[in-house]
């Protein structure tokens, strides 16, 4: 079965850093665009970052551009989201996604002011 399992979330102070990891299985990982979404309380889910199959193409939401970096390791079926200079508005549940409507269970990121 297709699985996407996020890890690495937690509580961090404003200005701190976290790295989220997503372990993928059940499909040919290197064939797919992968992404990170997030959903804050009372708000709609939004795309944070995406990365092409080979890792050569990336795209970021304007709100995180310059602070977050998405990467992937196709040999390990892993996707990462390095989050630097975190702000309280980054507080949300973060989801690892595969093109086609598949996503993980989500992981909480909380940034305290």
C-alpha atoms as a PDB file:
ATOM      1  CA  UNK A   1       0.000   0.000   0.000  1.00  0.00           C
ATOM      2  CA  UNK A   2       1.046   3.547  -0.622  1.00  0.00           C
ATOM      3  CA  UNK A   3       2.356   5.164   2.542  1.00  0.00           C
ATOM      4  CA  UNK A   4       3.665   8.599   3.398  1.00  0.00           C
ATOM      5  CA  UNK A   5       4.941   8.997   6.940  1.00  0.00           C
ATOM      6  CA  UNK A   6       6.027  12.370   8.261  1.00  0.00           C
ATOM      7  CA  UNK A   7       8.435  12.964  11.121  1.00  0.00           C
ATOM      8  CA  UNK A   8      10.526  15.741  12.622  1.00  0.00           C
ATOM      9  CA  UNK A   9       7.886  18.180  13.802  1.00  0.00           C
ATOM     10  CA  UNK A  10       7.603  19.743  17.204  1.00  0.00           C
ATOM     11  CA  UNK A  11       7.750  22.966  19.151  1.00  0.00           C
ATOM     12  CA  UNK A  12      10.300  25.637  18.341  1.00  0.00           C
ATOM     13  CA  UNK A  13      10.835  29.295  19.159  1.00  0.00           C
ATOM     14  CA  UNK A  14      10.488  32.072  16.635  1.00  0.00           C
ATOM     15  CA  UNK A  15      13.618  32.168  14.507  1.00  0.00           C
ATOM     16  CA  UNK A  16      14.416  28.528  15.083  1.00  0.00           C
ATOM     17  CA  UNK A  17      14.685  25.661  12.640  1.00  0.00           C
ATOM     18  CA  UNK A  18      13.140  22.268  12.062  1.00  0.00           C
ATOM     19  CA  UNK A  19      13.554  19.625   9.401  1.00  0.00           C
ATOM     20  CA  UNK A  20      10.587  17.533   8.396  1.00  0.00           C
ATOM     21  CA  UNK A  21      11.076  14.141   6.798  1.00  0.00           C
ATOM     22  CA  UNK A  22       8.686  12.044   4.750  1.00  0.00           C
ATOM     23  CA  UNK A  23       9.276   8.352   4.187  1.00  0.00           C
ATOM     24  CA  UNK A  24       7.475   7.092   1.092  1.00  0.00           C
ATOM     25  CA  UNK A  25       6.655   3.551   0.056  1.00  0.00           C
ATOM     26  CA  UNK A  26       4.284   1.600  -2.161  1.00  0.00           C
ATOM     27  CA  UNK A  27       4.971   3.373  -5.455  1.00  0.00           C
ATOM     28  CA  UNK A  28       7.797   4.272  -7.804  1.00  0.00           C
ATOM     29  CA  UNK A  29       8.947   7.281  -5.875  1.00  0.00           C
ATOM     30  CA  UNK A  30      11.243   8.731  -8.518  1.00  0.00           C
ATOM     31  CA  UNK A  31       8.364   9.074 -11.017  1.00  0.00           C
ATOM     32  CA  UNK A  32       6.383  11.592  -8.993  1.00  0.00           C
ATOM     33  CA  UNK A  33       6.246  15.196  -7.984  1.00  0.00           C
ATOM     34  CA  UNK A  34       6.219  15.425  -4.204  1.00  0.00           C
ATOM     35  CA  UNK A  35       5.066  18.283  -2.049  1.00  0.00           C
ATOM     36  CA  UNK A  36       4.514  19.596   1.441  1.00  0.00           C
ATOM     37  CA  UNK A  37       1.186  21.143   2.375  1.00  0.00           C
ATOM     38  CA  UNK A  38       0.094  22.677   5.638  1.00  0.00           C
ATOM     39  CA  UNK A  39      -3.142  23.511   7.369  1.00  0.00           C
ATOM     40  CA  UNK A  40      -3.443  25.943  10.238  1.00  0.00           C
ATOM     41  CA  UNK A  41      -6.446  25.957  12.597  1.00  0.00           C
ATOM     42  CA  UNK A  42      -9.460  27.495  10.908  1.00  0.00           C
ATOM     43  CA  UNK A  43      -7.690  27.872   7.583  1.00  0.00           C
ATOM     44  CA  UNK A  44      -7.663  25.992   4.307  1.00  0.00           C
ATOM     45  CA  UNK A  45      -4.840  23.716   3.343  1.00  0.00           C
ATOM     46  CA  UNK A  46      -2.132  25.442   1.360  1.00  0.00           C
ATOM     47  CA  UNK A  47       0.789  24.287  -0.725  1.00  0.00           C
ATOM     48  CA  UNK A  48       4.099  25.069   0.935  1.00  0.00           C
ATOM     49  CA  UNK A  49       6.628  23.562  -1.443  1.00  0.00           C
ATOM     50  CA  UNK A  50       6.904  21.034  -4.240  1.00  0.00           C
ATOM     51  CA  UNK A  51       9.727  19.230  -5.959  1.00  0.00           C
ATOM     52  CA  UNK A  52       9.962  17.497  -9.312  1.00  0.00           C
ATOM     53  CA  UNK A  53      10.750  13.807  -9.786  1.00  0.00           C
ATOM     54  CA  UNK A  54      14.498  14.303 -10.147  1.00  0.00           C
ATOM     55  CA  UNK A  55      14.765  17.102  -7.612  1.00  0.00           C
ATOM     56  CA  UNK A  56      15.881  19.637 -10.211  1.00  0.00           C
ATOM     57  CA  UNK A  57      12.693  21.706 -10.053  1.00  0.00           C
ATOM     58  CA  UNK A  58      11.286  23.270  -6.896  1.00  0.00           C
ATOM     59  CA  UNK A  59       8.474  25.672  -6.117  1.00  0.00           C
ATOM     60  CA  UNK A  60       7.605  27.526  -2.934  1.00  0.00           C
ATOM     61  CA  UNK A  61       4.766  29.513  -1.500  1.00  0.00           C
ATOM     62  CA  UNK A  62       5.659  33.184  -1.340  1.00  0.00           C
ATOM     63  CA  UNK A  63       5.304  33.159   2.429  1.00  0.00           C
ATOM     64  CA  UNK A  64       8.112  30.625   2.881  1.00  0.00           C
ATOM     65  CA  UNK A  65      10.388  31.504  -0.020  1.00  0.00           C
ATOM     66  CA  UNK A  66      13.933  32.042   1.161  1.00  0.00           C
ATOM     67  CA  UNK A  67      13.278  30.330   4.482  1.00  0.00           C
ATOM     68  CA  UNK A  68      12.229  26.788   3.546  1.00  0.00           C
ATOM     69  CA  UNK A  69      14.013  24.301   1.318  1.00  0.00           C
ATOM     70  CA  UNK A  70      12.476  21.144  -0.104  1.00  0.00           C
ATOM     71  CA  UNK A  71      14.710  18.285  -1.176  1.00  0.00           C
ATOM     72  CA  UNK A  72      14.490  14.599  -1.963  1.00  0.00           C
ATOM     73  CA  UNK A  73      16.614  11.487  -1.961  1.00  0.00           C
ATOM     74  CA  UNK A  74      15.249   9.057  -4.520  1.00  0.00           C
ATOM     75  CA  UNK A  75      17.598   6.295  -3.413  1.00  0.00           C
ATOM     76  CA  UNK A  76      16.005   6.408   0.030  1.00  0.00           C
ATOM     77  CA  UNK A  77      12.437   7.329  -0.993  1.00  0.00           C
ATOM     78  CA  UNK A  78      12.627  10.378   1.242  1.00  0.00           C
ATOM     79  CA  UNK A  79      11.403  13.962   0.980  1.00  0.00           C
ATOM     80  CA  UNK A  80      12.593  16.680   3.320  1.00  0.00           C
ATOM     81  CA  UNK A  81      11.516  20.163   4.259  1.00  0.00           C
ATOM     82  CA  UNK A  82      14.159  22.269   5.950  1.00  0.00           C
ATOM     83  CA  UNK A  83      12.463  25.144   7.746  1.00  0.00           C
ATOM     84  CA  UNK A  84      14.575  28.060   8.920  1.00  0.00           C
ATOM     85  CA  UNK A  85      13.710  31.414  10.461  1.00  0.00           C
ATOM     86  CA  UNK A  86      10.402  30.039  11.643  1.00  0.00           C
ATOM     87  CA  UNK A  87       7.555  32.399  12.455  1.00  0.00           C
ATOM     88  CA  UNK A  88       4.387  31.904  14.523  1.00  0.00           C
ATOM     89  CA  UNK A  89       2.368  31.978  11.307  1.00  0.00           C
ATOM     90  CA  UNK A  90       4.167  28.802  10.244  1.00  0.00           C
ATOM     91  CA  UNK A  91       2.300  26.943  12.976  1.00  0.00           C
ATOM     92  CA  UNK A  92       0.240  24.239  11.281  1.00  0.00           C
ATOM     93  CA  UNK A  93      -0.097  20.557  10.609  1.00  0.00           C
ATOM     94  CA  UNK A  94       2.237  19.706   7.762  1.00  0.00           C
ATOM     95  CA  UNK A  95       1.427  16.982   5.248  1.00  0.00           C
ATOM     96  CA  UNK A  96       3.624  15.133   2.810  1.00  0.00           C
ATOM     97  CA  UNK A  97       1.841  14.721  -0.524  1.00  0.00           C
ATOM     98  CA  UNK A  98       2.171  12.767  -3.737  1.00  0.00           C
ATOM     99  CA  UNK A  99       0.552  13.944  -6.930  1.00  0.00           C
ATOM    100  CA  UNK A 100      -2.784  12.196  -7.239  1.00  0.00           C
ATOM    101  CA  UNK A 101      -4.356  13.128  -3.932  1.00  0.00           C
ATOM    102  CA  UNK A 102      -2.277  11.028  -1.582  1.00  0.00           C
ATOM    103  CA  UNK A 103      -1.022  12.463   1.661  1.00  0.00           C
ATOM    104  CA  UNK A 104       0.342  11.360   4.990  1.00  0.00           C
ATOM    105  CA  UNK A 105      -1.220  11.655   8.420  1.00  0.00           C
ATOM    106  CA  UNK A 106       0.373  15.014   9.065  1.00  0.00           C
ATOM    107  CA  UNK A 107       2.738  16.297  11.705  1.00  0.00           C
ATOM    108  CA  UNK A 108       2.377  19.274  14.017  1.00  0.00           C
ATOM    109  CA  UNK A 109       4.740  22.223  13.843  1.00  0.00           C
ATOM    110  CA  UNK A 110       4.280  24.871  16.508  1.00  0.00           C
ATOM    111  CA  UNK A 111       6.280  28.089  16.572  1.00  0.00           C
ATOM    112  CA  UNK A 112       6.094  30.102  19.769  1.00  0.00           C
ATOM    113  CA  UNK A 113       6.639  33.837  19.908  1.00  0.00           C
END
